[in-house]
């Protein structure tokens, strides 16, 4: 199975309790034109800690085979970056490293887990 690489850019809303993301990924074809998909993540327990925490996530894939996928995304600040994991039923599907951009956006580079 080919490795998928992707970029997710989250707009940070409601003090980090809601994330509105756009993303693109390779889909295993490094020379293809990548589509843009959307993801909405709502923090499971709202707080004032910014983007760190667990989110209920809905991914809307419009490119390729259109579908909607529900999962959990977990974001933790480790060292100087944000570590992200997307999973469902305790199976991790993607892992990523993110950087904050002006406290308004979180840009994450991710790969298959």
PDB file of N, CA and C in Angstrom:
ATOM      1  N   UNK A   1       0.848  -1.179   0.000  1.00  0.00           N
ATOM      2  CA  UNK A   1       0.000   0.000   0.000  1.00  0.00           C
ATOM      3  C   UNK A   1       0.894   1.243   0.000  1.00  0.00           C
ATOM      4  N   UNK A   2       0.632   2.234  -0.889  1.00  0.00           N
ATOM      5  CA  UNK A   2       1.470   3.429  -0.944  1.00  0.00           C
ATOM      6  C   UNK A   2       1.278   4.316   0.290  1.00  0.00           C
ATOM      7  N   UNK A   3       2.339   4.988   0.672  1.00  0.00           N
ATOM      8  CA  UNK A   3       2.305   5.931   1.797  1.00  0.00           C
ATOM      9  C   UNK A   3       1.571   7.202   1.354  1.00  0.00           C
ATOM     10  N   UNK A   4       0.643   7.680   2.175  1.00  0.00           N
ATOM     11  CA  UNK A   4      -0.040   8.932   1.908  1.00  0.00           C
ATOM     12  C   UNK A   4       0.623  10.046   2.709  1.00  0.00           C
ATOM     13  N   UNK A   5       0.846  11.175   2.068  1.00  0.00           N
ATOM     14  CA  UNK A   5       1.361  12.364   2.726  1.00  0.00           C
ATOM     15  C   UNK A   5       0.316  13.453   2.551  1.00  0.00           C
ATOM     16  N   UNK A   6       0.124  14.272   3.582  1.00  0.00           N
ATOM     17  CA  UNK A   6      -0.885  15.311   3.475  1.00  0.00           C
ATOM     18  C   UNK A   6      -0.540  16.559   4.247  1.00  0.00           C
ATOM     19  N   UNK A   7      -1.270  17.610   3.951  1.00  0.00           N
ATOM     20  CA  UNK A   7      -1.173  18.893   4.648  1.00  0.00           C
ATOM     21  C   UNK A   7      -2.580  19.260   5.093  1.00  0.00           C
ATOM     22  N   UNK A   8      -2.711  19.608   6.365  1.00  0.00           N
ATOM     23  CA  UNK A   8      -3.982  20.057   6.948  1.00  0.00           C
ATOM     24  C   UNK A   8      -3.742  21.450   7.516  1.00  0.00           C
ATOM     25  N   UNK A   9      -4.590  22.401   7.166  1.00  0.00           N
ATOM     26  CA  UNK A   9      -4.508  23.743   7.749  1.00  0.00           C
ATOM     27  C   UNK A   9      -5.825  24.007   8.459  1.00  0.00           C
ATOM     28  N   UNK A  10      -5.727  24.122   9.791  1.00  0.00           N
ATOM     29  CA  UNK A  10      -6.901  24.392  10.612  1.00  0.00           C
ATOM     30  C   UNK A  10      -7.014  25.878  10.910  1.00  0.00           C
ATOM     31  N   UNK A  11      -8.197  26.427  10.731  1.00  0.00           N
ATOM     32  CA  UNK A  11      -8.527  27.744  11.262  1.00  0.00           C
ATOM     33  C   UNK A  11      -8.995  27.507  12.698  1.00  0.00           C
ATOM     34  N   UNK A  12      -8.441  28.238  13.642  1.00  0.00           N
ATOM     35  CA  UNK A  12      -8.751  28.044  15.061  1.00  0.00           C
ATOM     36  C   UNK A  12      -9.899  28.972  15.441  1.00  0.00           C
ATOM     37  N   UNK A  13     -11.009  28.385  15.905  1.00  0.00           N
ATOM     38  CA  UNK A  13     -12.212  29.137  16.264  1.00  0.00           C
ATOM     39  C   UNK A  13     -12.592  28.854  17.715  1.00  0.00           C
ATOM     40  N   UNK A  14     -13.382  29.733  18.302  1.00  0.00           N
ATOM     41  CA  UNK A  14     -13.930  29.535  19.655  1.00  0.00           C
ATOM     42  C   UNK A  14     -12.853  29.168  20.676  1.00  0.00           C
ATOM     43  N   UNK A  15     -11.741  29.937  20.667  1.00  0.00           N
ATOM     44  CA  UNK A  15     -10.633  29.739  21.623  1.00  0.00           C
ATOM     45  C   UNK A  15     -10.014  28.350  21.519  1.00  0.00           C
ATOM     46  N   UNK A  16     -10.070  27.755  20.348  1.00  0.00           N
ATOM     47  CA  UNK A  16      -9.484  26.436  20.136  1.00  0.00           C
ATOM     48  C   UNK A  16     -10.444  25.284  20.340  1.00  0.00           C
ATOM     49  N   UNK A  17     -11.705  25.570  20.641  1.00  0.00           N
ATOM     50  CA  UNK A  17     -12.688  24.513  20.857  1.00  0.00           C
ATOM     51  C   UNK A  17     -13.306  24.004  19.555  1.00  0.00           C
ATOM     52  N   UNK A  18     -13.117  24.742  18.470  1.00  0.00           N
ATOM     53  CA  UNK A  18     -13.597  24.338  17.144  1.00  0.00           C
ATOM     54  C   UNK A  18     -12.465  24.582  16.153  1.00  0.00           C
ATOM     55  N   UNK A  19     -12.201  23.591  15.306  1.00  0.00           N
ATOM     56  CA  UNK A  19     -11.203  23.720  14.250  1.00  0.00           C
ATOM     57  C   UNK A  19     -11.880  23.479  12.910  1.00  0.00           C
ATOM     58  N   UNK A  20     -11.645  24.390  11.970  1.00  0.00           N
ATOM     59  CA  UNK A  20     -12.178  24.258  10.619  1.00  0.00           C
ATOM     60  C   UNK A  20     -10.990  24.045   9.691  1.00  0.00           C
ATOM     61  N   UNK A  21     -10.868  22.845   9.141  1.00  0.00           N
ATOM     62  CA  UNK A  21      -9.675  22.515   8.372  1.00  0.00           C
ATOM     63  C   UNK A  21      -9.917  22.274   6.910  1.00  0.00           C
ATOM     64  N   UNK A  22      -8.905  22.619   6.107  1.00  0.00           N
ATOM     65  CA  UNK A  22      -8.854  22.198   4.721  1.00  0.00           C
ATOM     66  C   UNK A  22      -7.593  21.356   4.568  1.00  0.00           C
ATOM     67  N   UNK A  23      -7.671  20.349   3.724  1.00  0.00           N
ATOM     68  CA  UNK A  23      -6.516  19.463   3.592  1.00  0.00           C
ATOM     69  C   UNK A  23      -6.401  18.940   2.173  1.00  0.00           C
ATOM     70  N   UNK A  24      -5.219  18.440   1.882  1.00  0.00           N
ATOM     71  CA  UNK A  24      -4.949  17.764   0.634  1.00  0.00           C
ATOM     72  C   UNK A  24      -3.944  16.659   0.925  1.00  0.00           C
ATOM     73  N   UNK A  25      -3.948  15.605   0.107  1.00  0.00           N
ATOM     74  CA  UNK A  25      -3.004  14.506   0.318  1.00  0.00           C
ATOM     75  C   UNK A  25      -2.669  13.847  -1.002  1.00  0.00           C
ATOM     76  N   UNK A  26      -1.601  13.047  -1.001  1.00  0.00           N
ATOM     77  CA  UNK A  26      -1.070  12.490  -2.240  1.00  0.00           C
ATOM     78  C   UNK A  26      -1.906  11.378  -2.825  1.00  0.00           C
ATOM     79  N   UNK A  27      -2.652  10.643  -2.034  1.00  0.00           N
ATOM     80  CA  UNK A  27      -3.439   9.507  -2.523  1.00  0.00           C
ATOM     81  C   UNK A  27      -2.579   8.485  -3.258  1.00  0.00           C
ATOM     82  N   UNK A  28      -1.288   8.427  -2.918  1.00  0.00           N
ATOM     83  CA  UNK A  28      -0.407   7.423  -3.489  1.00  0.00           C
ATOM     84  C   UNK A  28       0.148   7.758  -4.862  1.00  0.00           C
ATOM     85  N   UNK A  29      -0.287   8.860  -5.454  1.00  0.00           N
ATOM     86  CA  UNK A  29       0.212   9.258  -6.767  1.00  0.00           C
ATOM     87  C   UNK A  29       0.932  10.594  -6.627  1.00  0.00           C
ATOM     88  N   UNK A  30       2.257  10.577  -6.523  1.00  0.00           N
ATOM     89  CA  UNK A  30       2.998  11.805  -6.244  1.00  0.00           C
ATOM     90  C   UNK A  30       2.920  12.877  -7.323  1.00  0.00           C
ATOM     91  N   UNK A  31       2.442  12.538  -8.525  1.00  0.00           N
ATOM     92  CA  UNK A  31       2.360  13.544  -9.585  1.00  0.00           C
ATOM     93  C   UNK A  31       0.925  13.949  -9.890  1.00  0.00           C
ATOM     94  N   UNK A  32      -0.033  13.501  -9.075  1.00  0.00           N
ATOM     95  CA  UNK A  32      -1.423  13.837  -9.357  1.00  0.00           C
ATOM     96  C   UNK A  32      -1.754  15.249  -8.874  1.00  0.00           C
ATOM     97  N   UNK A  33      -2.838  15.793  -9.396  1.00  0.00           N
ATOM     98  CA  UNK A  33      -3.357  17.070  -8.916  1.00  0.00           C
ATOM     99  C   UNK A  33      -4.196  16.764  -7.686  1.00  0.00           C
ATOM    100  N   UNK A  34      -3.825  17.307  -6.570  1.00  0.00           N
ATOM    101  CA  UNK A  34      -4.464  16.959  -5.308  1.00  0.00           C
ATOM    102  C   UNK A  34      -5.740  17.764  -5.098  1.00  0.00           C
ATOM    103  N   UNK A  35      -6.795  17.067  -4.682  1.00  0.00           N
ATOM    104  CA  UNK A  35      -8.047  17.738  -4.368  1.00  0.00           C
ATOM    105  C   UNK A  35      -7.978  18.395  -2.996  1.00  0.00           C
ATOM    106  N   UNK A  36      -8.961  19.207  -2.694  1.00  0.00           N
ATOM    107  CA  UNK A  36      -9.047  19.851  -1.393  1.00  0.00           C
ATOM    108  C   UNK A  36     -10.281  19.308  -0.683  1.00  0.00           C
ATOM    109  N   UNK A  37     -10.091  18.812   0.528  1.00  0.00           N
ATOM    110  CA  UNK A  37     -11.180  18.275   1.335  1.00  0.00           C
ATOM    111  C   UNK A  37     -11.339  19.119   2.590  1.00  0.00           C
ATOM    112  N   UNK A  38     -12.420  18.890   3.330  1.00  0.00           N
ATOM    113  CA  UNK A  38     -12.743  19.699   4.504  1.00  0.00           C
ATOM    114  C   UNK A  38     -12.874  18.825   5.735  1.00  0.00           C
ATOM    115  N   UNK A  39     -12.499  19.391   6.876  1.00  0.00           N
ATOM    116  CA  UNK A  39     -12.611  18.691   8.155  1.00  0.00           C
ATOM    117  C   UNK A  39     -13.072  19.686   9.219  1.00  0.00           C
ATOM    118  N   UNK A  40     -14.034  19.281  10.018  1.00  0.00           N
ATOM    119  CA  UNK A  40     -14.508  20.062  11.159  1.00  0.00           C
ATOM    120  C   UNK A  40     -14.232  19.247  12.414  1.00  0.00           C
ATOM    121  N   UNK A  41     -13.618  19.877  13.409  1.00  0.00           N
ATOM    122  CA  UNK A  41     -13.312  19.191  14.662  1.00  0.00           C
ATOM    123  C   UNK A  41     -13.836  20.023  15.824  1.00  0.00           C
ATOM    124  N   UNK A  42     -14.594  19.367  16.723  1.00  0.00           N
ATOM    125  CA  UNK A  42     -15.169  20.036  17.901  1.00  0.00           C
ATOM    126  C   UNK A  42     -14.624  19.352  19.142  1.00  0.00           C
ATOM    127  N   UNK A  43     -14.038  20.157  20.033  1.00  0.00           N
ATOM    128  CA  UNK A  43     -13.397  19.607  21.225  1.00  0.00           C
ATOM    129  C   UNK A  43     -14.413  18.863  22.078  1.00  0.00           C
ATOM    130  N   UNK A  44     -14.041  17.655  22.527  1.00  0.00           N
ATOM    131  CA  UNK A  44     -14.935  16.824  23.327  1.00  0.00           C
ATOM    132  C   UNK A  44     -15.266  17.474  24.665  1.00  0.00           C
ATOM    133  N   UNK A  45     -14.296  18.133  25.277  1.00  0.00           N
ATOM    134  CA  UNK A  45     -14.501  18.851  26.537  1.00  0.00           C
ATOM    135  C   UNK A  45     -13.989  20.274  26.347  1.00  0.00           C
ATOM    136  N   UNK A  46     -14.876  21.226  26.037  1.00  0.00           N
ATOM    137  CA  UNK A  46     -14.432  22.603  25.789  1.00  0.00           C
ATOM    138  C   UNK A  46     -13.662  23.174  26.978  1.00  0.00           C
ATOM    139  N   UNK A  47     -12.611  23.950  26.663  1.00  0.00           N
ATOM    140  CA  UNK A  47     -11.793  24.575  27.707  1.00  0.00           C
ATOM    141  C   UNK A  47     -11.106  25.803  27.121  1.00  0.00           C
ATOM    142  N   UNK A  48     -10.200  26.396  27.876  1.00  0.00           N
ATOM    143  CA  UNK A  48      -9.460  27.575  27.421  1.00  0.00           C
ATOM    144  C   UNK A  48      -7.988  27.262  27.167  1.00  0.00           C
ATOM    145  N   UNK A  49      -7.642  25.996  26.886  1.00  0.00           N
ATOM    146  CA  UNK A  49      -6.243  25.591  26.696  1.00  0.00           C
ATOM    147  C   UNK A  49      -5.756  25.765  25.263  1.00  0.00           C
ATOM    148  N   UNK A  50      -6.532  26.350  24.409  1.00  0.00           N
ATOM    149  CA  UNK A  50      -6.131  26.454  23.007  1.00  0.00           C
ATOM    150  C   UNK A  50      -6.454  25.172  22.260  1.00  0.00           C
ATOM    151  N   UNK A  51      -5.567  24.743  21.359  1.00  0.00           N
ATOM    152  CA  UNK A  51      -5.876  23.613  20.489  1.00  0.00           C
ATOM    153  C   UNK A  51      -5.546  22.249  21.092  1.00  0.00           C
ATOM    154  N   UNK A  52      -4.892  22.199  22.236  1.00  0.00           N
ATOM    155  CA  UNK A  52      -4.583  20.899  22.834  1.00  0.00           C
ATOM    156  C   UNK A  52      -5.857  20.217  23.317  1.00  0.00           C
ATOM    157  N   UNK A  53      -5.990  18.920  23.020  1.00  0.00           N
ATOM    158  CA  UNK A  53      -7.132  18.154  23.489  1.00  0.00           C
ATOM    159  C   UNK A  53      -7.607  17.130  22.480  1.00  0.00           C
ATOM    160  N   UNK A  54      -8.734  16.497  22.815  1.00  0.00           N
ATOM    161  CA  UNK A  54      -9.370  15.512  21.928  1.00  0.00           C
ATOM    162  C   UNK A  54     -10.599  16.139  21.291  1.00  0.00           C
ATOM    163  N   UNK A  55     -10.759  15.843  20.007  1.00  0.00           N
ATOM    164  CA  UNK A  55     -11.849  16.417  19.224  1.00  0.00           C
ATOM    165  C   UNK A  55     -12.656  15.317  18.540  1.00  0.00           C
ATOM    166  N   UNK A  56     -13.963  15.522  18.445  1.00  0.00           N
ATOM    167  CA  UNK A  56     -14.798  14.732  17.549  1.00  0.00           C
ATOM    168  C   UNK A  56     -14.629  15.370  16.176  1.00  0.00           C
ATOM    169  N   UNK A  57     -14.311  14.556  15.214  1.00  0.00           N
ATOM    170  CA  UNK A  57     -13.899  15.062  13.918  1.00  0.00           C
ATOM    171  C   UNK A  57     -14.782  14.485  12.819  1.00  0.00           C
ATOM    172  N   UNK A  58     -15.143  15.323  11.869  1.00  0.00           N
ATOM    173  CA  UNK A  58     -15.871  14.878  10.678  1.00  0.00           C
ATOM    174  C   UNK A  58     -15.093  15.344   9.453  1.00  0.00           C
ATOM    175  N   UNK A  59     -14.646  14.367   8.671  1.00  0.00           N
ATOM    176  CA  UNK A  59     -13.859  14.614   7.471  1.00  0.00           C
ATOM    177  C   UNK A  59     -14.763  14.417   6.263  1.00  0.00           C
ATOM    178  N   UNK A  60     -14.850  15.423   5.407  1.00  0.00           N
ATOM    179  CA  UNK A  60     -15.671  15.363   4.212  1.00  0.00           C
ATOM    180  C   UNK A  60     -14.767  15.291   2.995  1.00  0.00           C
ATOM    181  N   UNK A  61     -14.683  14.111   2.404  1.00  0.00           N
ATOM    182  CA  UNK A  61     -13.840  13.907   1.229  1.00  0.00           C
ATOM    183  C   UNK A  61     -14.670  14.161  -0.015  1.00  0.00           C
ATOM    184  N   UNK A  62     -14.257  15.172  -0.774  1.00  0.00           N
ATOM    185  CA  UNK A  62     -14.986  15.489  -2.004  1.00  0.00           C
ATOM    186  C   UNK A  62     -14.240  15.003  -3.237  1.00  0.00           C
ATOM    187  N   UNK A  63     -12.936  14.797  -3.106  1.00  0.00           N
ATOM    188  CA  UNK A  63     -12.158  14.337  -4.252  1.00  0.00           C
ATOM    189  C   UNK A  63     -12.142  12.808  -4.298  1.00  0.00           C
ATOM    190  N   UNK A  64     -11.900  12.267  -5.481  1.00  0.00           N
ATOM    191  CA  UNK A  64     -11.850  10.809  -5.628  1.00  0.00           C
ATOM    192  C   UNK A  64     -13.205  10.185  -5.373  1.00  0.00           C
ATOM    193  N   UNK A  65     -13.282   9.328  -4.370  1.00  0.00           N
ATOM    194  CA  UNK A  65     -14.528   8.676  -3.970  1.00  0.00           C
ATOM    195  C   UNK A  65     -15.143   9.485  -2.829  1.00  0.00           C
ATOM    196  N   UNK A  66     -16.126  10.372  -3.094  1.00  0.00           N
ATOM    197  CA  UNK A  66     -16.683  11.225  -2.041  1.00  0.00           C
ATOM    198  C   UNK A  66     -17.266  10.418  -0.882  1.00  0.00           C
ATOM    199  N   UNK A  67     -16.948  10.845   0.353  1.00  0.00           N
ATOM    200  CA  UNK A  67     -17.479  10.184   1.536  1.00  0.00           C
ATOM    201  C   UNK A  67     -17.288  11.071   2.751  1.00  0.00           C
ATOM    202  N   UNK A  68     -17.983  10.714   3.828  1.00  0.00           N
ATOM    203  CA  UNK A  68     -17.864  11.402   5.113  1.00  0.00           C
ATOM    204  C   UNK A  68     -17.338  10.394   6.120  1.00  0.00           C
ATOM    205  N   UNK A  69     -16.302  10.793   6.864  1.00  0.00           N
ATOM    206  CA  UNK A  69     -15.667   9.908   7.834  1.00  0.00           C
ATOM    207  C   UNK A  69     -15.671  10.589   9.190  1.00  0.00           C
ATOM    208  N   UNK A  70     -16.162   9.896  10.214  1.00  0.00           N
ATOM    209  CA  UNK A  70     -16.120  10.394  11.590  1.00  0.00           C
ATOM    210  C   UNK A  70     -14.980   9.705  12.326  1.00  0.00           C
ATOM    211  N   UNK A  71     -14.221  10.478  13.104  1.00  0.00           N
ATOM    212  CA  UNK A  71     -13.109   9.920  13.870  1.00  0.00           C
ATOM    213  C   UNK A  71     -12.801  10.847  15.043  1.00  0.00           C
ATOM    214  N   UNK A  72     -11.718  10.568  15.729  1.00  0.00           N
ATOM    215  CA  UNK A  72     -11.221  11.416  16.810  1.00  0.00           C
ATOM    216  C   UNK A  72      -9.868  11.943  16.380  1.00  0.00           C
ATOM    217  N   UNK A  73      -9.607  13.214  16.640  1.00  0.00           N
ATOM    218  CA  UNK A  73      -8.270  13.767  16.449  1.00  0.00           C
ATOM    219  C   UNK A  73      -7.787  14.255  17.813  1.00  0.00           C
ATOM    220  N   UNK A  74      -6.551  13.888  18.155  1.00  0.00           N
ATOM    221  CA  UNK A  74      -5.953  14.280  19.426  1.00  0.00           C
ATOM    222  C   UNK A  74      -4.736  15.144  19.135  1.00  0.00           C
ATOM    223  N   UNK A  75      -4.670  16.307  19.799  1.00  0.00           N
ATOM    224  CA  UNK A  75      -3.582  17.262  19.570  1.00  0.00           C
ATOM    225  C   UNK A  75      -2.888  17.540  20.899  1.00  0.00           C
ATOM    226  N   UNK A  76      -1.561  17.365  20.925  1.00  0.00           N
ATOM    227  CA  UNK A  76      -0.756  17.622  22.120  1.00  0.00           C
ATOM    228  C   UNK A  76       0.450  18.468  21.751  1.00  0.00           C
ATOM    229  N   UNK A  77       0.813  19.406  22.628  1.00  0.00           N
ATOM    230  CA  UNK A  77       2.011  20.215  22.417  1.00  0.00           C
ATOM    231  C   UNK A  77       3.187  19.477  23.032  1.00  0.00           C
ATOM    232  N   UNK A  78       4.181  19.144  22.217  1.00  0.00           N
ATOM    233  CA  UNK A  78       5.342  18.375  22.672  1.00  0.00           C
ATOM    234  C   UNK A  78       6.603  19.093  22.185  1.00  0.00           C
ATOM    235  N   UNK A  79       7.431  19.532  23.109  1.00  0.00           N
ATOM    236  CA  UNK A  79       8.641  20.271  22.725  1.00  0.00           C
ATOM    237  C   UNK A  79       8.264  21.614  22.128  1.00  0.00           C
ATOM    238  N   UNK A  80       8.464  21.756  20.825  1.00  0.00           N
ATOM    239  CA  UNK A  80       8.135  23.019  20.168  1.00  0.00           C
ATOM    240  C   UNK A  80       7.113  22.842  19.042  1.00  0.00           C
ATOM    241  N   UNK A  81       6.478  21.648  18.970  1.00  0.00           N
ATOM    242  CA  UNK A  81       5.511  21.372  17.904  1.00  0.00           C
ATOM    243  C   UNK A  81       4.245  20.744  18.490  1.00  0.00           C
ATOM    244  N   UNK A  82       3.210  20.700  17.680  1.00  0.00           N
ATOM    245  CA  UNK A  82       1.967  20.014  18.047  1.00  0.00           C
ATOM    246  C   UNK A  82       1.962  18.644  17.381  1.00  0.00           C
ATOM    247  N   UNK A  83       1.756  17.604  18.174  1.00  0.00           N
ATOM    248  CA  UNK A  83       1.629  16.256  17.639  1.00  0.00           C
ATOM    249  C   UNK A  83       0.147  15.944  17.481  1.00  0.00           C
ATOM    250  N   UNK A  84      -0.223  15.406  16.330  1.00  0.00           N
ATOM    251  CA  UNK A  84      -1.621  15.114  16.019  1.00  0.00           C
ATOM    252  C   UNK A  84      -1.766  13.644  15.645  1.00  0.00           C
ATOM    253  N   UNK A  85      -2.895  13.060  16.084  1.00  0.00           N
ATOM    254  CA  UNK A  85      -3.230  11.667  15.730  1.00  0.00           C
ATOM    255  C   UNK A  85      -4.703  11.612  15.377  1.00  0.00           C
ATOM    256  N   UNK A  86      -5.016  11.014  14.251  1.00  0.00           N
ATOM    257  CA  UNK A  86      -6.405  10.790  13.839  1.00  0.00           C
ATOM    258  C   UNK A  86      -6.687   9.303  14.007  1.00  0.00           C
ATOM    259  N   UNK A  87      -7.732   8.964  14.744  1.00  0.00           N
ATOM    260  CA  UNK A  87      -8.018   7.548  14.980  1.00  0.00           C
ATOM    261  C   UNK A  87      -9.506   7.301  15.175  1.00  0.00           C
ATOM    262  N   UNK A  88      -9.887   6.018  15.034  1.00  0.00           N
ATOM    263  CA  UNK A  88     -11.225   5.547  15.382  1.00  0.00           C
ATOM    264  C   UNK A  88     -11.083   4.127  15.918  1.00  0.00           C
ATOM    265  N   UNK A  89     -11.963   3.740  16.784  1.00  0.00           N
ATOM    266  CA  UNK A  89     -11.916   2.406  17.401  1.00  0.00           C
ATOM    267  C   UNK A  89     -10.505   2.053  17.881  1.00  0.00           C
ATOM    268  N   UNK A  90      -9.802   3.035  18.453  1.00  0.00           N
ATOM    269  CA  UNK A  90      -8.450   2.884  18.984  1.00  0.00           C
ATOM    270  C   UNK A  90      -7.406   2.517  17.935  1.00  0.00           C
ATOM    271  N   UNK A  91      -7.732   2.632  16.635  1.00  0.00           N
ATOM    272  CA  UNK A  91      -6.752   2.399  15.574  1.00  0.00           C
ATOM    273  C   UNK A  91      -6.326   3.753  15.009  1.00  0.00           C
ATOM    274  N   UNK A  92      -5.021   4.040  15.095  1.00  0.00           N
ATOM    275  CA  UNK A  92      -4.492   5.296  14.568  1.00  0.00           C
ATOM    276  C   UNK A  92      -4.333   5.166  13.057  1.00  0.00           C
ATOM    277  N   UNK A  93      -4.899   6.129  12.314  1.00  0.00           N
ATOM    278  CA  UNK A  93      -4.828   6.112  10.852  1.00  0.00           C
ATOM    279  C   UNK A  93      -3.767   7.064  10.313  1.00  0.00           C
ATOM    280  N   UNK A  94      -3.634   8.241  10.949  1.00  0.00           N
ATOM    281  CA  UNK A  94      -2.659   9.241  10.514  1.00  0.00           C
ATOM    282  C   UNK A  94      -1.986   9.854  11.733  1.00  0.00           C
ATOM    283  N   UNK A  95      -0.720  10.248  11.563  1.00  0.00           N
ATOM    284  CA  UNK A  95      -0.002  11.011  12.586  1.00  0.00           C
ATOM    285  C   UNK A  95       0.600  12.223  11.908  1.00  0.00           C
ATOM    286  N   UNK A  96       0.728  13.306  12.673  1.00  0.00           N
ATOM    287  CA  UNK A  96       1.271  14.515  12.069  1.00  0.00           C
ATOM    288  C   UNK A  96       1.966  15.416  13.063  1.00  0.00           C
ATOM    289  N   UNK A  97       2.718  16.356  12.513  1.00  0.00           N
ATOM    290  CA  UNK A  97       3.432  17.374  13.279  1.00  0.00           C
ATOM    291  C   UNK A  97       2.929  18.724  12.787  1.00  0.00           C
ATOM    292  N   UNK A  98       2.557  19.606  13.748  1.00  0.00           N
ATOM    293  CA  UNK A  98       2.002  20.894  13.370  1.00  0.00           C
ATOM    294  C   UNK A  98       2.717  22.072  13.981  1.00  0.00           C
ATOM    295  N   UNK A  99       2.605  23.201  13.295  1.00  0.00           N
ATOM    296  CA  UNK A  99       3.142  24.471  13.766  1.00  0.00           C
ATOM    297  C   UNK A  99       2.024  25.502  13.796  1.00  0.00           C
ATOM    298  N   UNK A 100       2.013  26.310  14.861  1.00  0.00           N
ATOM    299  CA  UNK A 100       1.044  27.387  14.991  1.00  0.00           C
ATOM    300  C   UNK A 100       1.449  28.533  14.065  1.00  0.00           C
ATOM    301  N   UNK A 101       0.451  29.147  13.453  1.00  0.00           N
ATOM    302  CA  UNK A 101       0.682  30.289  12.568  1.00  0.00           C
ATOM    303  C   UNK A 101      -0.129  31.474  13.093  1.00  0.00           C
ATOM    304  N   UNK A 102       0.545  32.394  13.794  1.00  0.00           N
ATOM    305  CA  UNK A 102      -0.066  33.637  14.271  1.00  0.00           C
ATOM    306  C   UNK A 102      -1.267  33.401  15.186  1.00  0.00           C
ATOM    307  N   UNK A 103      -1.304  32.286  15.907  1.00  0.00           N
ATOM    308  CA  UNK A 103      -2.395  31.946  16.831  1.00  0.00           C
ATOM    309  C   UNK A 103      -3.772  31.876  16.171  1.00  0.00           C
ATOM    310  N   UNK A 104      -3.805  31.882  14.836  1.00  0.00           N
ATOM    311  CA  UNK A 104      -5.077  31.798  14.114  1.00  0.00           C
ATOM    312  C   UNK A 104      -5.206  30.504  13.331  1.00  0.00           C
ATOM    313  N   UNK A 105      -4.048  29.879  13.023  1.00  0.00           N
ATOM    314  CA  UNK A 105      -4.039  28.676  12.202  1.00  0.00           C
ATOM    315  C   UNK A 105      -3.054  27.664  12.775  1.00  0.00           C
ATOM    316  N   UNK A 106      -3.355  26.393  12.554  1.00  0.00           N
ATOM    317  CA  UNK A 106      -2.440  25.309  12.877  1.00  0.00           C
ATOM    318  C   UNK A 106      -2.217  24.545  11.574  1.00  0.00           C
ATOM    319  N   UNK A 107      -0.961  24.523  11.095  1.00  0.00           N
ATOM    320  CA  UNK A 107      -0.621  23.816   9.859  1.00  0.00           C
ATOM    321  C   UNK A 107       0.041  22.497  10.242  1.00  0.00           C
ATOM    322  N   UNK A 108      -0.490  21.382   9.715  1.00  0.00           N
ATOM    323  CA  UNK A 108      -0.030  20.042  10.091  1.00  0.00           C
ATOM    324  C   UNK A 108       0.372  19.271   8.844  1.00  0.00           C
ATOM    325  N   UNK A 109       1.570  18.695   8.884  1.00  0.00           N
ATOM    326  CA  UNK A 109       2.029  17.761   7.871  1.00  0.00           C
ATOM    327  C   UNK A 109       1.787  16.364   8.438  1.00  0.00           C
ATOM    328  N   UNK A 110       1.098  15.497   7.677  1.00  0.00           N
ATOM    329  CA  UNK A 110       0.766  14.175   8.231  1.00  0.00           C
ATOM    330  C   UNK A 110       1.050  13.058   7.236  1.00  0.00           C
ATOM    331  N   UNK A 111       1.168  11.830   7.793  1.00  0.00           N
ATOM    332  CA  UNK A 111       1.397  10.624   7.002  1.00  0.00           C
ATOM    333  C   UNK A 111       0.540   9.505   7.579  1.00  0.00           C
ATOM    334  N   UNK A 112       0.446   8.400   6.827  1.00  0.00           N
ATOM    335  CA  UNK A 112      -0.225   7.199   7.345  1.00  0.00           C
ATOM    336  C   UNK A 112       0.484   6.740   8.598  1.00  0.00           C
ATOM    337  N   UNK A 113      -0.271   6.215   9.537  1.00  0.00           N
ATOM    338  CA  UNK A 113       0.337   5.702  10.773  1.00  0.00           C
ATOM    339  C   UNK A 113       0.904   4.321  10.552  1.00  0.00           C
TER     340      UNK A 113
END
